[in-house]
Amino acid sequence: MIEDWRGVADELEIRGVLARVAQYSDTGDLADYAALFTEDARWSMAGWPEKTGRAAIREAGAARRAEGQTGPGSATRHLVGTVAVALDGDRAIADSYWQFWVETASAAPRLFSMGAYRDTLHRTDHGWKIADRLITPG
């Protein structure tokens, strides 16, 4: 019975990590955003250069903010839903759908893109962290 509760707690924490990555991408501090990834994490999306390591993922977020693509003042929102989590000890796979909205401060926000995440997460001494994020548009 205790294992059942641990699985529920793990899944809730993982769902929180996915939510915080989206929220911090839009409005949060990039240090908090990057802290949700392992030190050697991989971030991969078709059409974009792959990022390896927490520092590179943070730098890519800073570059997107400098270009006004995301971050505070950009009027963008990442929405994550339809999340399915498969736990395997200290490792988990989370599959979810995402939507990226722009012009959210207007009366008619616009869906810019959407797709799927496949996140591999590892339990660390500091909680669950994303070790690999594969982003598939469409």
Protein backbone atom coordinates (compact mmCIF):
# COMPACT_ATOMS: atom_id res chain seq x y z
CA MET A 1 0.00 0.00 0.00
CA ILE A 2 2.83 2.45 0.80
CA GLU A 3 4.31 1.85 -2.67
CA ASP A 4 0.95 2.86 -4.19
CA TRP A 5 1.10 6.18 -2.36
CA ARG A 6 4.71 6.75 -3.36
CA GLY A 7 3.74 6.26 -7.00
CA VAL A 8 0.93 8.79 -6.66
CA ALA A 9 3.29 11.27 -4.99
CA ASP A 10 5.92 10.71 -7.70
CA GLU A 11 3.42 11.25 -10.48
CA LEU A 12 2.11 14.44 -8.88
CA GLU A 13 5.66 15.76 -8.50
CA ILE A 14 6.43 14.93 -12.14
CA ARG A 15 3.28 16.69 -13.31
CA GLY A 16 4.39 19.68 -11.25
CA VAL A 17 7.79 19.68 -12.96
CA LEU A 18 6.12 19.72 -16.39
CA ALA A 19 3.83 22.58 -15.33
CA ARG A 20 6.68 24.61 -13.85
CA VAL A 21 8.85 24.23 -16.96
CA ALA A 22 6.00 25.75 -19.01
CA GLN A 23 5.30 28.51 -16.48
CA TYR A 24 8.93 29.45 -15.94
CA SER A 25 9.49 29.52 -19.70
CA ASP A 26 6.78 32.16 -19.98
CA THR A 27 7.13 34.25 -16.84
CA GLY A 28 9.67 32.80 -14.45
CA ASP A 29 13.31 33.09 -13.64
CA LEU A 30 15.58 31.18 -16.01
CA ALA A 31 17.60 29.81 -13.09
CA ASP A 32 14.41 28.19 -11.76
CA TYR A 33 13.59 26.94 -15.28
CA ALA A 34 17.03 25.38 -15.77
CA ALA A 35 16.99 23.82 -12.28
CA LEU A 36 14.15 21.54 -13.44
CA PHE A 37 16.61 19.74 -15.74
CA THR A 38 19.48 17.41 -14.81
CA GLU A 39 23.02 18.77 -15.23
CA ASP A 40 23.51 16.64 -18.36
CA ALA A 41 19.97 16.98 -19.75
CA ARG A 42 19.23 16.88 -23.46
CA TRP A 43 16.65 19.15 -25.16
CA SER A 44 15.76 18.15 -28.71
CA MET A 45 13.24 19.56 -31.22
CA ALA A 46 13.14 19.05 -34.97
CA GLY A 47 14.40 22.14 -36.78
CA TRP A 48 16.28 23.51 -33.75
CA PRO A 49 19.84 22.80 -32.60
CA GLU A 50 19.93 20.18 -29.86
CA LYS A 51 20.91 21.46 -26.42
CA THR A 52 22.96 19.33 -24.04
CA GLY A 53 23.42 20.30 -20.42
CA ARG A 54 21.55 22.53 -18.02
CA ALA A 55 23.69 25.56 -18.89
CA ALA A 56 23.01 25.21 -22.64
CA ILE A 57 19.27 24.82 -21.99
CA ARG A 58 19.30 27.97 -19.86
CA GLU A 59 21.30 29.88 -22.51
CA ALA A 60 18.79 28.83 -25.20
CA GLY A 61 15.97 30.15 -23.00
CA ALA A 62 17.84 33.44 -22.60
CA ALA A 63 18.30 33.68 -26.38
CA ARG A 64 14.57 33.11 -26.98
CA ARG A 65 13.82 35.84 -24.44
CA ALA A 66 16.31 38.24 -26.05
CA GLU A 67 14.50 37.73 -29.36
CA GLY A 68 11.12 38.34 -27.69
CA GLN A 69 9.88 34.82 -28.49
CA THR A 70 9.13 33.88 -24.87
CA GLY A 71 9.48 35.21 -21.38
CA PRO A 72 8.07 38.11 -19.40
CA GLY A 73 6.49 40.74 -21.64
CA SER A 74 6.28 38.46 -24.68
CA ALA A 75 2.54 37.72 -24.21
CA THR A 76 3.14 34.00 -24.78
CA ARG A 77 1.92 30.95 -22.93
CA HIS A 78 2.92 27.30 -23.04
CA LEU A 79 0.01 25.00 -22.14
CA VAL A 80 0.68 21.36 -21.25
CA GLY A 81 -2.05 18.74 -21.05
CA THR A 82 -3.08 15.15 -21.68
CA VAL A 83 -0.19 13.97 -19.51
CA ALA A 84 0.55 10.26 -19.10
CA VAL A 85 3.31 9.19 -16.70
CA ALA A 86 4.94 5.75 -16.60
CA LEU A 87 7.07 5.17 -13.50
CA ASP A 88 9.97 2.73 -13.34
CA GLY A 89 11.74 3.11 -10.01
CA ASP A 90 13.88 6.24 -10.10
CA ARG A 91 13.10 6.86 -13.76
CA ALA A 92 9.91 7.92 -15.48
CA ILE A 93 8.60 8.68 -18.95
CA ALA A 94 6.02 11.44 -19.29
CA ASP A 95 4.18 11.89 -22.58
CA SER A 96 2.13 15.05 -22.97
CA TYR A 97 0.71 17.43 -25.54
CA TRP A 98 1.66 21.11 -25.67
CA GLN A 99 0.26 24.25 -27.19
CA PHE A 100 2.15 27.51 -27.66
CA TRP A 101 -0.05 30.59 -27.65
CA VAL A 102 1.01 34.08 -28.75
CA GLU A 103 -0.63 37.50 -28.45
CA THR A 104 -2.15 36.40 -25.14
CA ALA A 105 -2.58 39.98 -23.94
CA SER A 106 -4.96 40.66 -26.83
CA ALA A 107 -8.68 39.99 -27.06
CA ALA A 108 -7.92 37.16 -29.50
CA PRO A 109 -4.90 35.07 -28.48
CA ARG A 110 -3.56 32.92 -31.30
CA LEU A 111 -2.40 29.32 -31.27
CA PHE A 112 1.06 29.48 -32.87
CA SER A 113 2.13 25.82 -32.64
CA MET A 114 1.43 22.56 -30.88
CA GLY A 115 2.86 19.10 -30.51
CA ALA A 116 4.01 16.43 -28.08
CA TYR A 117 6.66 16.15 -25.39
CA ARG A 118 8.36 12.90 -24.45
CA ASP A 119 10.21 13.59 -21.22
CA THR A 120 12.49 11.16 -19.48
CA LEU A 121 12.83 12.12 -15.83
CA HIS A 122 15.18 10.92 -13.11
CA ARG A 123 14.67 11.04 -9.37
CA THR A 124 17.55 13.04 -7.87
CA ASP A 125 18.48 14.14 -4.38
CA HIS A 126 16.62 17.37 -5.26
CA GLY A 127 13.46 15.77 -6.64
CA TRP A 128 12.42 14.71 -10.13
CA LYS A 129 14.31 16.39 -12.97
CA ILE A 130 14.00 16.18 -16.74
CA ALA A 131 16.96 14.27 -18.19
CA ASP A 132 15.75 14.21 -21.79
CA ARG A 133 13.07 16.28 -23.54
CA LEU A 134 12.09 15.27 -27.05
CA ILE A 135 9.73 17.80 -28.63
CA THR A 136 7.69 16.80 -31.67
CA PRO A 137 5.74 19.57 -33.40
CA GLY A 138 2.37 18.81 -34.93
